Amino acid sequence: STDFEPGWIEFDVTAAVQAMSSSVPTANYGWRILAASGYTSALKKFHTSEYNANPDLRPKLTVTFH
């Protein structure tokens, strides 16, 4: 979950990536972002990786190794 402030939204996907990369194979269907019920006046819009009008608005995945 996240708040409804304008700008970039960050999701911690560490556990999901670890599960996908584990030694036990699991299905990888990517991620699905669901709307929060009751917040129809504060909807977020997401561009796809193919969005050409402004490439700076394409989603980004940053991977950090520790």
N, C-alpha and C. Protein backbone atom coordinates (compact mmCIF):
# COMPACT_ATOMS: atom_id res chain seq x y z
N SER A 1 0.85 -1.19 0.00
CA SER A 1 0.00 0.00 0.00
C SER A 1 0.89 1.24 0.00
N THR A 2 0.31 2.36 -0.42
CA THR A 2 1.05 3.61 -0.48
C THR A 2 0.08 4.77 -0.28
N ASP A 3 0.61 5.95 -0.04
CA ASP A 3 -0.26 7.11 0.12
C ASP A 3 -0.65 7.66 -1.24
N PHE A 4 -1.41 8.74 -1.24
CA PHE A 4 -1.91 9.29 -2.50
C PHE A 4 -1.31 10.65 -2.81
N GLU A 5 -0.06 10.84 -2.51
CA GLU A 5 0.64 12.08 -2.83
C GLU A 5 1.07 12.05 -4.29
N PRO A 6 1.13 13.21 -4.96
CA PRO A 6 1.61 13.22 -6.35
C PRO A 6 3.10 12.89 -6.42
N GLY A 7 3.51 12.37 -7.56
CA GLY A 7 4.92 12.07 -7.76
C GLY A 7 5.16 10.58 -7.87
N TRP A 8 6.43 10.20 -7.78
CA TRP A 8 6.82 8.81 -7.89
C TRP A 8 6.34 8.03 -6.67
N ILE A 9 5.98 6.78 -6.89
CA ILE A 9 5.58 5.88 -5.82
C ILE A 9 6.62 4.78 -5.74
N GLU A 10 7.05 4.46 -4.55
CA GLU A 10 8.04 3.40 -4.37
C GLU A 10 7.39 2.20 -3.70
N PHE A 11 7.69 1.01 -4.23
CA PHE A 11 7.21 -0.24 -3.66
C PHE A 11 8.43 -1.08 -3.31
N ASP A 12 8.43 -1.68 -2.14
CA ASP A 12 9.50 -2.60 -1.77
C ASP A 12 9.11 -3.99 -2.26
N VAL A 13 9.79 -4.47 -3.28
CA VAL A 13 9.47 -5.77 -3.88
C VAL A 13 10.53 -6.82 -3.54
N THR A 14 11.30 -6.56 -2.48
CA THR A 14 12.40 -7.45 -2.10
C THR A 14 11.94 -8.89 -1.92
N ALA A 15 10.90 -9.11 -1.13
CA ALA A 15 10.43 -10.47 -0.85
C ALA A 15 9.96 -11.16 -2.13
N ALA A 16 9.27 -10.44 -2.99
CA ALA A 16 8.79 -11.04 -4.23
C ALA A 16 9.94 -11.43 -5.15
N VAL A 17 10.95 -10.56 -5.26
CA VAL A 17 12.10 -10.87 -6.12
C VAL A 17 12.88 -12.04 -5.54
N GLN A 18 13.03 -12.09 -4.23
CA GLN A 18 13.72 -13.22 -3.61
C GLN A 18 12.97 -14.52 -3.89
N ALA A 19 11.65 -14.49 -3.81
CA ALA A 19 10.86 -15.70 -4.08
C ALA A 19 11.02 -16.13 -5.53
N MET A 20 11.05 -15.17 -6.46
CA MET A 20 11.19 -15.49 -7.88
C MET A 20 12.58 -16.03 -8.21
N SER A 21 13.59 -15.63 -7.43
CA SER A 21 14.94 -16.04 -7.75
C SER A 21 15.44 -17.19 -6.87
N SER A 22 14.57 -17.76 -6.07
CA SER A 22 14.99 -18.83 -5.17
C SER A 22 15.33 -20.09 -5.96
N SER A 23 15.95 -21.03 -5.29
CA SER A 23 16.35 -22.27 -5.95
C SER A 23 15.16 -23.16 -6.25
N VAL A 24 14.02 -22.90 -5.60
CA VAL A 24 12.80 -23.66 -5.89
C VAL A 24 12.01 -22.87 -6.92
N PRO A 25 11.84 -23.41 -8.12
CA PRO A 25 11.14 -22.66 -9.17
C PRO A 25 9.70 -22.33 -8.78
N THR A 26 9.33 -21.09 -9.01
CA THR A 26 7.94 -20.65 -8.80
C THR A 26 7.50 -19.90 -10.04
N ALA A 27 6.20 -19.83 -10.24
CA ALA A 27 5.66 -19.10 -11.39
C ALA A 27 5.92 -17.61 -11.20
N ASN A 28 6.26 -16.92 -12.28
CA ASN A 28 6.51 -15.49 -12.25
C ASN A 28 5.51 -14.82 -13.18
N TYR A 29 4.48 -14.24 -12.60
CA TYR A 29 3.47 -13.54 -13.38
C TYR A 29 3.61 -12.02 -13.26
N GLY A 30 4.71 -11.55 -12.70
CA GLY A 30 4.92 -10.12 -12.54
C GLY A 30 4.12 -9.57 -11.38
N TRP A 31 3.78 -8.28 -11.43
CA TRP A 31 3.02 -7.64 -10.37
C TRP A 31 1.76 -7.04 -10.94
N ARG A 32 0.75 -6.98 -10.11
CA ARG A 32 -0.51 -6.34 -10.48
C ARG A 32 -0.80 -5.28 -9.42
N ILE A 33 -1.09 -4.08 -9.86
CA ILE A 33 -1.41 -2.99 -8.94
C ILE A 33 -2.92 -2.83 -8.91
N LEU A 34 -3.50 -2.99 -7.73
CA LEU A 34 -4.94 -2.91 -7.57
C LEU A 34 -5.33 -1.59 -6.95
N ALA A 35 -6.49 -1.08 -7.35
CA ALA A 35 -7.00 0.17 -6.78
C ALA A 35 -7.47 -0.09 -5.36
N ALA A 36 -7.30 0.91 -4.51
CA ALA A 36 -7.81 0.82 -3.15
C ALA A 36 -9.28 1.21 -3.16
N SER A 37 -10.10 0.41 -2.61
CA SER A 37 -11.54 0.65 -2.61
C SER A 37 -11.86 1.95 -1.87
N GLY A 38 -12.76 2.74 -2.44
CA GLY A 38 -13.20 3.97 -1.79
C GLY A 38 -12.39 5.20 -2.15
N TYR A 39 -11.34 5.09 -2.96
CA TYR A 39 -10.51 6.24 -3.29
C TYR A 39 -10.66 6.63 -4.76
N THR A 40 -11.87 6.67 -5.25
CA THR A 40 -12.09 6.95 -6.68
C THR A 40 -11.71 8.38 -7.07
N SER A 41 -11.65 9.31 -6.12
CA SER A 41 -11.29 10.69 -6.46
C SER A 41 -9.78 10.92 -6.45
N ALA A 42 -9.01 9.94 -6.05
CA ALA A 42 -7.56 10.10 -5.95
C ALA A 42 -6.85 8.97 -6.69
N LEU A 43 -7.31 8.68 -7.90
CA LEU A 43 -6.74 7.57 -8.66
C LEU A 43 -5.34 7.91 -9.15
N LYS A 44 -4.47 6.93 -9.17
CA LYS A 44 -3.13 7.08 -9.73
C LYS A 44 -3.14 6.52 -11.15
N LYS A 45 -2.39 7.12 -12.02
CA LYS A 45 -2.24 6.63 -13.38
C LYS A 45 -0.79 6.22 -13.58
N PHE A 46 -0.59 5.12 -14.29
CA PHE A 46 0.75 4.60 -14.53
C PHE A 46 0.98 4.49 -16.03
N HIS A 47 2.13 4.91 -16.48
CA HIS A 47 2.50 4.75 -17.88
C HIS A 47 3.21 3.42 -18.04
N THR A 48 3.20 2.90 -19.24
CA THR A 48 3.88 1.65 -19.53
C THR A 48 5.33 1.92 -19.92
N SER A 49 6.10 0.85 -20.02
CA SER A 49 7.50 1.00 -20.43
C SER A 49 7.62 1.44 -21.89
N GLU A 50 6.53 1.35 -22.65
CA GLU A 50 6.53 1.77 -24.06
C GLU A 50 6.05 3.21 -24.24
N TYR A 51 5.75 3.93 -23.16
CA TYR A 51 5.22 5.29 -23.23
C TYR A 51 6.21 6.21 -23.92
N ASN A 52 5.83 6.77 -25.07
CA ASN A 52 6.75 7.56 -25.88
C ASN A 52 6.62 9.07 -25.71
N ALA A 53 5.49 9.56 -25.23
CA ALA A 53 5.28 11.01 -25.12
C ALA A 53 6.30 11.66 -24.19
N ASN A 54 6.65 10.98 -23.12
CA ASN A 54 7.65 11.49 -22.19
C ASN A 54 8.33 10.29 -21.53
N PRO A 55 9.46 9.82 -22.09
CA PRO A 55 10.14 8.64 -21.56
C PRO A 55 10.53 8.75 -20.08
N ASP A 56 10.65 9.98 -19.55
CA ASP A 56 10.98 10.14 -18.13
C ASP A 56 9.87 9.63 -17.21
N LEU A 57 8.67 9.46 -17.76
CA LEU A 57 7.53 9.00 -16.95
C LEU A 57 7.34 7.49 -17.01
N ARG A 58 8.22 6.79 -17.72
CA ARG A 58 8.14 5.33 -17.76
C ARG A 58 8.48 4.76 -16.39
N PRO A 59 7.88 3.62 -16.02
CA PRO A 59 8.23 3.02 -14.73
C PRO A 59 9.69 2.58 -14.70
N LYS A 60 10.26 2.57 -13.51
CA LYS A 60 11.67 2.20 -13.36
C LYS A 60 11.78 1.15 -12.26
N LEU A 61 12.68 0.22 -12.43
CA LEU A 61 13.00 -0.75 -11.40
C LEU A 61 14.46 -0.54 -11.02
N THR A 62 14.70 -0.24 -9.78
CA THR A 62 16.06 -0.05 -9.27
C THR A 62 16.39 -1.23 -8.37
N VAL A 63 17.47 -1.92 -8.69
CA VAL A 63 17.90 -3.07 -7.91
C VAL A 63 19.15 -2.68 -7.12
N THR A 64 19.09 -2.88 -5.82
CA THR A 64 20.21 -2.57 -4.94
C THR A 64 20.70 -3.85 -4.28
N PHE A 65 21.99 -4.15 -4.43
CA PHE A 65 22.59 -5.33 -3.81
C PHE A 65 23.28 -4.91 -2.53
N HIS A 66 23.12 -5.73 -1.50
CA HIS A 66 23.78 -5.45 -0.21
C HIS A 66 24.80 -6.52 0.07
